[in-house]
Amino acid sequence: MSDQLKEVLNKQNQQQNTDLSQLDDIVQLVGFVIGDEEYAIPILAIQEIIKPFSWTRVPQVPAYVLGVFNLRGAVIPLLDLRLKFGLQEKKQSDETRFIVMRHGDDVAGFVIDRLTMAIRIKKADIGPAPDTVNGNDTIIDGVGKQADKIITILKVNKLLERDF
């Protein structure tokens, strides 16, 4: 084997090892908008993203719990994040989506105003939740900083907690 070929192979191996170590430093998220703010959740917490369809209302639940829907035989609660976050109710548009999230055995669908994009942020660019929120009870996991914006990263396990 020629020296040049060995050198190219060595560089490739070093680059692959570097790429793998850098993957550990990156968090993959999916961004979405509620009102005027952008939020994100870890991509692995998403079971699926679907266009809105009909659901069944459930009596005696908080206003942000719209009801339940059937997803391939599973009955899943549907929550409106606008209402949960204290914003005005908004009529659904062509951009409205249901995000079905899963954490362990907990599953729920959430109505979002619109999907933005898949986001990759370095762990170093994610700061802690602001001091103004209440410790472990907050649904904010951290704040991701990108060049032109700040994205609030939510805790999926807290979003899925049943308080109804």
C-alpha atoms as a PDB file:
ATOM      1  CA  MET A   1       0.000   0.000   0.000  1.00  0.00           C
ATOM      2  CA  SER A   2       1.375   3.384  -0.947  1.00  0.00           C
ATOM      3  CA  ASP A   3       2.232   6.000   1.665  1.00  0.00           C
ATOM      4  CA  GLN A   4      -0.324   8.407   0.186  1.00  0.00           C
ATOM      5  CA  LEU A   5      -3.112   5.842   0.496  1.00  0.00           C
ATOM      6  CA  LYS A   6      -2.131   5.107   4.106  1.00  0.00           C
ATOM      7  CA  GLU A   7      -2.169   8.820   4.851  1.00  0.00           C
ATOM      8  CA  VAL A   8      -5.645   9.250   3.329  1.00  0.00           C
ATOM      9  CA  LEU A   9      -6.992   6.263   5.296  1.00  0.00           C
ATOM     10  CA  ASN A  10      -5.504   7.604   8.540  1.00  0.00           C
ATOM     11  CA  LYS A  11      -7.096  11.006   7.960  1.00  0.00           C
ATOM     12  CA  GLN A  12     -10.463   9.360   7.297  1.00  0.00           C
ATOM     13  CA  ASN A  13     -10.232   7.318  10.498  1.00  0.00           C
ATOM     14  CA  GLN A  14      -9.299  10.401  12.522  1.00  0.00           C
ATOM     15  CA  GLN A  15     -12.146  12.378  10.985  1.00  0.00           C
ATOM     16  CA  GLN A  16     -14.676   9.604  11.689  1.00  0.00           C
ATOM     17  CA  ASN A  17     -13.552   9.371  15.313  1.00  0.00           C
ATOM     18  CA  THR A  18     -13.824  13.150  15.666  1.00  0.00           C
ATOM     19  CA  ASP A  19     -17.313  13.145  14.087  1.00  0.00           C
ATOM     20  CA  LEU A  20     -18.506  10.453  16.518  1.00  0.00           C
ATOM     21  CA  SER A  21     -17.188  12.330  19.544  1.00  0.00           C
ATOM     22  CA  GLN A  22     -18.858  15.530  18.335  1.00  0.00           C
ATOM     23  CA  LEU A  23     -22.233  13.735  18.069  1.00  0.00           C
ATOM     24  CA  ASP A  24     -22.228  13.339  21.844  1.00  0.00           C
ATOM     25  CA  ASP A  25     -22.047  17.124  22.155  1.00  0.00           C
ATOM     26  CA  ILE A  26     -25.118  17.773  19.978  1.00  0.00           C
ATOM     27  CA  VAL A  27     -28.779  17.693  21.013  1.00  0.00           C
ATOM     28  CA  GLN A  28     -31.345  16.985  18.299  1.00  0.00           C
ATOM     29  CA  LEU A  29     -34.664  18.749  18.748  1.00  0.00           C
ATOM     30  CA  VAL A  30     -37.838  19.513  16.830  1.00  0.00           C
ATOM     31  CA  GLY A  31     -38.965  23.130  16.911  1.00  0.00           C
ATOM     32  CA  PHE A  32     -42.509  24.441  16.893  1.00  0.00           C
ATOM     33  CA  VAL A  33     -44.322  27.702  17.468  1.00  0.00           C
ATOM     34  CA  ILE A  34     -47.011  28.490  20.037  1.00  0.00           C
ATOM     35  CA  GLY A  35     -48.214  32.079  19.788  1.00  0.00           C
ATOM     36  CA  ASP A  36     -45.142  34.204  19.084  1.00  0.00           C
ATOM     37  CA  GLU A  37     -42.605  31.943  20.797  1.00  0.00           C
ATOM     38  CA  GLU A  38     -40.544  29.051  19.477  1.00  0.00           C
ATOM     39  CA  TYR A  39     -40.210  25.929  21.593  1.00  0.00           C
ATOM     40  CA  ALA A  40     -38.451  22.618  21.070  1.00  0.00           C
ATOM     41  CA  ILE A  41     -38.515  19.078  22.397  1.00  0.00           C
ATOM     42  CA  PRO A  42     -36.045  16.214  21.956  1.00  0.00           C
ATOM     43  CA  ILE A  43     -36.632  14.456  18.652  1.00  0.00           C
ATOM     44  CA  LEU A  44     -36.656  11.027  20.319  1.00  0.00           C
ATOM     45  CA  ALA A  45     -39.708  11.997  22.409  1.00  0.00           C
ATOM     46  CA  ILE A  46     -41.860  12.377  19.297  1.00  0.00           C
ATOM     47  CA  GLN A  47     -43.969   9.418  18.306  1.00  0.00           C
ATOM     48  CA  GLU A  48     -45.386  11.220  15.282  1.00  0.00           C
ATOM     49  CA  ILE A  49     -46.521  14.530  13.845  1.00  0.00           C
ATOM     50  CA  ILE A  50     -49.892  14.573  12.095  1.00  0.00           C
ATOM     51  CA  LYS A  51     -52.356  16.969  10.536  1.00  0.00           C
ATOM     52  CA  PRO A  52     -55.346  17.708  12.777  1.00  0.00           C
ATOM     53  CA  PHE A  53     -58.403  15.510  12.610  1.00  0.00           C
ATOM     54  CA  SER A  54     -61.541  15.086  14.692  1.00  0.00           C
ATOM     55  CA  TRP A  55     -61.445  14.260  18.393  1.00  0.00           C
ATOM     56  CA  THR A  56     -64.017  13.544  21.095  1.00  0.00           C
ATOM     57  CA  ARG A  57     -64.630  16.031  23.885  1.00  0.00           C
ATOM     58  CA  VAL A  58     -64.357  14.820  27.466  1.00  0.00           C
ATOM     59  CA  PRO A  59     -66.416  16.464  30.239  1.00  0.00           C
ATOM     60  CA  GLN A  60     -65.024  17.894  33.474  1.00  0.00           C
ATOM     61  CA  VAL A  61     -61.440  18.431  32.392  1.00  0.00           C
ATOM     62  CA  PRO A  62     -59.434  21.688  32.259  1.00  0.00           C
ATOM     63  CA  ALA A  63     -60.059  23.913  29.224  1.00  0.00           C
ATOM     64  CA  TYR A  64     -56.681  23.050  27.689  1.00  0.00           C
ATOM     65  CA  VAL A  65     -57.665  19.362  27.479  1.00  0.00           C
ATOM     66  CA  LEU A  66     -59.594  19.301  24.233  1.00  0.00           C
ATOM     67  CA  GLY A  67     -60.557  15.630  24.533  1.00  0.00           C
ATOM     68  CA  VAL A  68     -59.278  12.322  23.194  1.00  0.00           C
ATOM     69  CA  PHE A  69     -58.603  10.881  19.752  1.00  0.00           C
ATOM     70  CA  ASN A  70     -58.090   7.419  18.331  1.00  0.00           C
ATOM     71  CA  LEU A  71     -54.680   6.755  16.844  1.00  0.00           C
ATOM     72  CA  ARG A  72     -54.529   3.258  15.371  1.00  0.00           C
ATOM     73  CA  GLY A  73     -56.608   1.777  18.178  1.00  0.00           C
ATOM     74  CA  ALA A  74     -55.035   3.736  21.052  1.00  0.00           C
ATOM     75  CA  VAL A  75     -57.114   6.412  22.790  1.00  0.00           C
ATOM     76  CA  ILE A  76     -54.847   9.405  23.367  1.00  0.00           C
ATOM     77  CA  PRO A  77     -55.594  12.660  25.239  1.00  0.00           C
ATOM     78  CA  LEU A  78     -55.340  15.852  23.192  1.00  0.00           C
ATOM     79  CA  LEU A  79     -54.078  19.042  24.847  1.00  0.00           C
ATOM     80  CA  ASP A  80     -53.937  22.533  23.380  1.00  0.00           C
ATOM     81  CA  LEU A  81     -50.559  24.059  24.277  1.00  0.00           C
ATOM     82  CA  ARG A  82     -51.846  27.589  23.578  1.00  0.00           C
ATOM     83  CA  LEU A  83     -54.441  27.205  26.329  1.00  0.00           C
ATOM     84  CA  LYS A  84     -52.043  25.356  28.643  1.00  0.00           C
ATOM     85  CA  PHE A  85     -49.587  28.252  28.324  1.00  0.00           C
ATOM     86  CA  GLY A  86     -52.314  30.815  29.076  1.00  0.00           C
ATOM     87  CA  LEU A  87     -52.683  32.193  25.556  1.00  0.00           C
ATOM     88  CA  GLN A  88     -55.892  33.002  23.690  1.00  0.00           C
ATOM     89  CA  GLU A  89     -57.600  30.179  21.842  1.00  0.00           C
ATOM     90  CA  LYS A  90     -56.925  30.276  18.103  1.00  0.00           C
ATOM     91  CA  LYS A  91     -58.767  28.680  15.223  1.00  0.00           C
ATOM     92  CA  GLN A  92     -56.755  25.918  13.573  1.00  0.00           C
ATOM     93  CA  SER A  93     -55.058  26.762  10.272  1.00  0.00           C
ATOM     94  CA  ASP A  94     -53.334  24.809   7.515  1.00  0.00           C
ATOM     95  CA  GLU A  95     -50.124  24.988   9.584  1.00  0.00           C
ATOM     96  CA  THR A  96     -51.666  23.546  12.773  1.00  0.00           C
ATOM     97  CA  ARG A  97     -50.323  20.112  13.727  1.00  0.00           C
ATOM     98  CA  PHE A  98     -50.771  17.473  16.407  1.00  0.00           C
ATOM     99  CA  ILE A  99     -47.492  16.289  17.940  1.00  0.00           C
ATOM    100  CA  VAL A 100     -47.840  12.928  19.651  1.00  0.00           C
ATOM    101  CA  MET A 101     -45.205  12.720  22.395  1.00  0.00           C
ATOM    102  CA  ARG A 102     -44.117   9.725  24.409  1.00  0.00           C
ATOM    103  CA  HIS A 103     -42.127   9.422  27.618  1.00  0.00           C
ATOM    104  CA  GLY A 104     -42.075   5.874  28.965  1.00  0.00           C
ATOM    105  CA  ASP A 105     -45.689   4.674  29.037  1.00  0.00           C
ATOM    106  CA  ASP A 106     -47.132   8.208  28.975  1.00  0.00           C
ATOM    107  CA  VAL A 107     -48.473   9.363  25.603  1.00  0.00           C
ATOM    108  CA  ALA A 108     -50.438  12.469  24.629  1.00  0.00           C
ATOM    109  CA  GLY A 109     -51.142  14.603  21.601  1.00  0.00           C
ATOM    110  CA  PHE A 110     -50.496  18.339  21.655  1.00  0.00           C
ATOM    111  CA  VAL A 111     -51.920  20.983  19.345  1.00  0.00           C
ATOM    112  CA  ILE A 112     -49.249  23.381  18.087  1.00  0.00           C
ATOM    113  CA  ASP A 113     -49.630  26.450  15.879  1.00  0.00           C
ATOM    114  CA  ARG A 114     -46.959  25.364  13.421  1.00  0.00           C
ATOM    115  CA  LEU A 115     -43.913  23.200  13.049  1.00  0.00           C
ATOM    116  CA  THR A 116     -40.592  24.930  12.386  1.00  0.00           C
ATOM    117  CA  MET A 117     -37.719  22.517  11.776  1.00  0.00           C
ATOM    118  CA  ALA A 118     -35.359  19.924  13.120  1.00  0.00           C
ATOM    119  CA  ILE A 119     -32.734  21.669  15.213  1.00  0.00           C
ATOM    120  CA  ARG A 120     -29.242  20.581  16.161  1.00  0.00           C
ATOM    121  CA  ILE A 121     -27.744  22.526  19.047  1.00  0.00           C
ATOM    122  CA  LYS A 122     -24.448  21.959  20.798  1.00  0.00           C
ATOM    123  CA  LYS A 123     -24.878  21.144  24.480  1.00  0.00           C
ATOM    124  CA  ALA A 124     -22.581  24.075  25.236  1.00  0.00           C
ATOM    125  CA  ASP A 125     -25.158  26.404  23.628  1.00  0.00           C
ATOM    126  CA  ILE A 126     -27.963  25.260  25.940  1.00  0.00           C
ATOM    127  CA  GLY A 127     -28.335  27.224  29.142  1.00  0.00           C
ATOM    128  CA  PRO A 128     -30.354  26.338  32.226  1.00  0.00           C
ATOM    129  CA  ALA A 129     -33.985  27.346  32.708  1.00  0.00           C
ATOM    130  CA  PRO A 130     -34.335  30.982  33.806  1.00  0.00           C
ATOM    131  CA  ASP A 131     -34.185  31.700  37.550  1.00  0.00           C
ATOM    132  CA  THR A 132     -37.760  32.971  37.437  1.00  0.00           C
ATOM    133  CA  VAL A 133     -39.213  29.462  37.090  1.00  0.00           C
ATOM    134  CA  ASN A 134     -39.850  27.104  39.993  1.00  0.00           C
ATOM    135  CA  GLY A 135     -37.046  24.514  40.231  1.00  0.00           C
ATOM    136  CA  ASN A 136     -38.020  20.959  39.289  1.00  0.00           C
ATOM    137  CA  ASP A 137     -41.705  21.816  38.771  1.00  0.00           C
ATOM    138  CA  THR A 138     -41.005  23.819  35.626  1.00  0.00           C
ATOM    139  CA  ILE A 139     -41.705  22.469  32.153  1.00  0.00           C
ATOM    140  CA  ILE A 140     -38.636  24.340  30.863  1.00  0.00           C
ATOM    141  CA  ASP A 141     -35.597  22.126  30.470  1.00  0.00           C
ATOM    142  CA  GLY A 142     -33.288  24.815  29.159  1.00  0.00           C
ATOM    143  CA  VAL A 143     -32.764  27.625  26.707  1.00  0.00           C
ATOM    144  CA  GLY A 144     -31.030  26.941  23.394  1.00  0.00           C
ATOM    145  CA  LYS A 145     -29.061  29.799  21.897  1.00  0.00           C
ATOM    146  CA  GLN A 146     -28.724  30.105  18.147  1.00  0.00           C
ATOM    147  CA  ALA A 147     -27.155  32.978  16.235  1.00  0.00           C
ATOM    148  CA  ASP A 148     -30.405  34.836  15.633  1.00  0.00           C
ATOM    149  CA  LYS A 149     -32.819  33.493  18.248  1.00  0.00           C
ATOM    150  CA  ILE A 150     -33.445  31.775  21.552  1.00  0.00           C
ATOM    151  CA  ILE A 151     -35.459  28.553  21.730  1.00  0.00           C
ATOM    152  CA  THR A 152     -37.131  27.329  24.903  1.00  0.00           C
ATOM    153  CA  ILE A 153     -36.573  23.593  25.334  1.00  0.00           C
ATOM    154  CA  LEU A 154     -39.426  21.835  27.130  1.00  0.00           C
ATOM    155  CA  LYS A 155     -39.403  18.790  29.413  1.00  0.00           C
ATOM    156  CA  VAL A 156     -41.553  16.139  27.776  1.00  0.00           C
ATOM    157  CA  ASN A 157     -42.127  14.271  31.048  1.00  0.00           C
ATOM    158  CA  LYS A 158     -43.590  17.445  32.608  1.00  0.00           C
ATOM    159  CA  LEU A 159     -45.802  18.118  29.578  1.00  0.00           C
ATOM    160  CA  LEU A 160     -47.164  14.578  29.857  1.00  0.00           C
ATOM    161  CA  GLU A 161     -47.913  14.759  33.592  1.00  0.00           C
ATOM    162  CA  ARG A 162     -51.619  14.298  34.201  1.00  0.00           C
ATOM    163  CA  ASP A 163     -52.997  17.069  36.370  1.00  0.00           C
ATOM    164  CA  PHE A 164     -56.568  16.478  35.257  1.00  0.00           C
END
